[in-house]
Amino acid sequence: MALGPWQILIILVIAVLVFGGRGKISSIMGDMGKGITSFKKGLKDSSEEEKDASEDAINVTPKKEKTSK
């Protein structure tokens, strides 16, 4: 089972990520964590804006009249 050029290239890319300089993987994972946190914050902010809009709504439902028996 011989390694082809694509397999060698993939192995080299993984080796560069793992061993290529200080903190390569930790910086990549840190950036990914920041992205996820930002995404969650964006979802939370949009849901709060929807709640604020519903609190400002005016109740236009007509009142029920009392009927006497």
C-alpha atoms as a PDB file:
ATOM      1  CA  MET A   1       0.000   0.000   0.000  1.00  0.00           C
ATOM      2  CA  ALA A   2       1.859   3.033  -1.283  1.00  0.00           C
ATOM      3  CA  LEU A   3       1.175   6.619  -0.340  1.00  0.00           C
ATOM      4  CA  GLY A   4       0.074   8.860  -3.162  1.00  0.00           C
ATOM      5  CA  PRO A   5       0.812  12.575  -3.493  1.00  0.00           C
ATOM      6  CA  TRP A   6      -2.515  13.609  -1.928  1.00  0.00           C
ATOM      7  CA  GLN A   7      -1.972  11.445   1.145  1.00  0.00           C
ATOM      8  CA  ILE A   8       1.521  12.858   1.622  1.00  0.00           C
ATOM      9  CA  LEU A   9       0.175  16.401   1.261  1.00  0.00           C
ATOM     10  CA  ILE A  10      -2.522  15.788   3.863  1.00  0.00           C
ATOM     11  CA  ILE A  11       0.024  14.306   6.277  1.00  0.00           C
ATOM     12  CA  LEU A  12       2.309  17.327   5.791  1.00  0.00           C
ATOM     13  CA  VAL A  13      -0.540  19.777   6.428  1.00  0.00           C
ATOM     14  CA  ILE A  14      -1.479  17.963   9.645  1.00  0.00           C
ATOM     15  CA  ALA A  15       2.174  17.872  10.739  1.00  0.00           C
ATOM     16  CA  VAL A  16       2.543  21.616  10.126  1.00  0.00           C
ATOM     17  CA  LEU A  17      -0.592  22.296  12.168  1.00  0.00           C
ATOM     18  CA  VAL A  18       0.560  20.090  15.029  1.00  0.00           C
ATOM     19  CA  PHE A  19       4.277  20.927  15.132  1.00  0.00           C
ATOM     20  CA  GLY A  20       4.558  24.143  13.143  1.00  0.00           C
ATOM     21  CA  GLY A  21       5.243  26.883  15.624  1.00  0.00           C
ATOM     22  CA  ARG A  22       4.055  27.865  19.041  1.00  0.00           C
ATOM     23  CA  GLY A  23       0.352  27.714  19.731  1.00  0.00           C
ATOM     24  CA  LYS A  24      -0.955  27.055  16.244  1.00  0.00           C
ATOM     25  CA  ILE A  25      -3.655  24.659  17.390  1.00  0.00           C
ATOM     26  CA  SER A  26      -4.495  26.656  20.501  1.00  0.00           C
ATOM     27  CA  SER A  27      -4.910  29.837  18.468  1.00  0.00           C
ATOM     28  CA  ILE A  28      -7.139  28.047  15.947  1.00  0.00           C
ATOM     29  CA  MET A  29      -9.263  26.590  18.754  1.00  0.00           C
ATOM     30  CA  GLY A  30      -9.356  29.971  20.503  1.00  0.00           C
ATOM     31  CA  ASP A  31     -10.639  31.629  17.351  1.00  0.00           C
ATOM     32  CA  MET A  32     -13.252  28.902  16.968  1.00  0.00           C
ATOM     33  CA  GLY A  33     -14.364  29.408  20.587  1.00  0.00           C
ATOM     34  CA  LYS A  34     -14.648  33.172  20.061  1.00  0.00           C
ATOM     35  CA  GLY A  35     -16.756  32.574  16.966  1.00  0.00           C
ATOM     36  CA  ILE A  36     -19.126  30.228  18.797  1.00  0.00           C
ATOM     37  CA  THR A  37     -19.434  32.677  21.703  1.00  0.00           C
ATOM     38  CA  SER A  38     -20.171  35.527  19.319  1.00  0.00           C
ATOM     39  CA  PHE A  39     -22.793  33.433  17.522  1.00  0.00           C
ATOM     40  CA  LYS A  40     -24.554  32.557  20.790  1.00  0.00           C
ATOM     41  CA  LYS A  41     -24.467  36.204  21.882  1.00  0.00           C
ATOM     42  CA  GLY A  42     -26.021  37.232  18.568  1.00  0.00           C
ATOM     43  CA  LEU A  43     -28.840  34.727  19.011  1.00  0.00           C
ATOM     44  CA  LYS A  44     -29.452  35.940  22.558  1.00  0.00           C
ATOM     45  CA  ASP A  45     -29.524  39.606  21.481  1.00  0.00           C
ATOM     46  CA  SER A  46     -32.063  38.944  18.725  1.00  0.00           C
ATOM     47  CA  SER A  47     -34.420  37.125  21.112  1.00  0.00           C
ATOM     48  CA  GLU A  48     -34.190  40.005  23.610  1.00  0.00           C
ATOM     49  CA  GLU A  49     -35.122  42.470  20.864  1.00  0.00           C
ATOM     50  CA  GLU A  50     -38.209  40.416  20.051  1.00  0.00           C
ATOM     51  CA  LYS A  51     -39.251  40.431  23.727  1.00  0.00           C
ATOM     52  CA  ASP A  52     -38.826  44.204  23.913  1.00  0.00           C
ATOM     53  CA  ALA A  53     -41.087  44.682  20.885  1.00  0.00           C
ATOM     54  CA  SER A  54     -43.832  42.559  22.423  1.00  0.00           C
ATOM     55  CA  GLU A  55     -43.716  44.547  25.674  1.00  0.00           C
ATOM     56  CA  ASP A  56     -44.282  47.798  23.761  1.00  0.00           C
ATOM     57  CA  ALA A  57     -47.327  46.480  21.915  1.00  0.00           C
ATOM     58  CA  ILE A  58     -50.692  48.118  22.574  1.00  0.00           C
ATOM     59  CA  ASN A  59     -53.606  45.941  23.622  1.00  0.00           C
ATOM     60  CA  VAL A  60     -56.461  46.631  21.187  1.00  0.00           C
ATOM     61  CA  THR A  61     -58.663  43.714  22.187  1.00  0.00           C
ATOM     62  CA  PRO A  62     -62.211  44.931  22.892  1.00  0.00           C
ATOM     63  CA  LYS A  63     -63.409  44.425  26.433  1.00  0.00           C
ATOM     64  CA  LYS A  64     -66.168  41.890  26.988  1.00  0.00           C
ATOM     65  CA  GLU A  65     -69.460  43.319  28.144  1.00  0.00           C
ATOM     66  CA  LYS A  66     -70.992  41.847  31.243  1.00  0.00           C
ATOM     67  CA  THR A  67     -74.373  40.271  30.645  1.00  0.00           C
ATOM     68  CA  SER A  68     -76.934  40.150  33.407  1.00  0.00           C
ATOM     69  CA  LYS A  69     -79.014  37.060  33.932  1.00  0.00           C
END
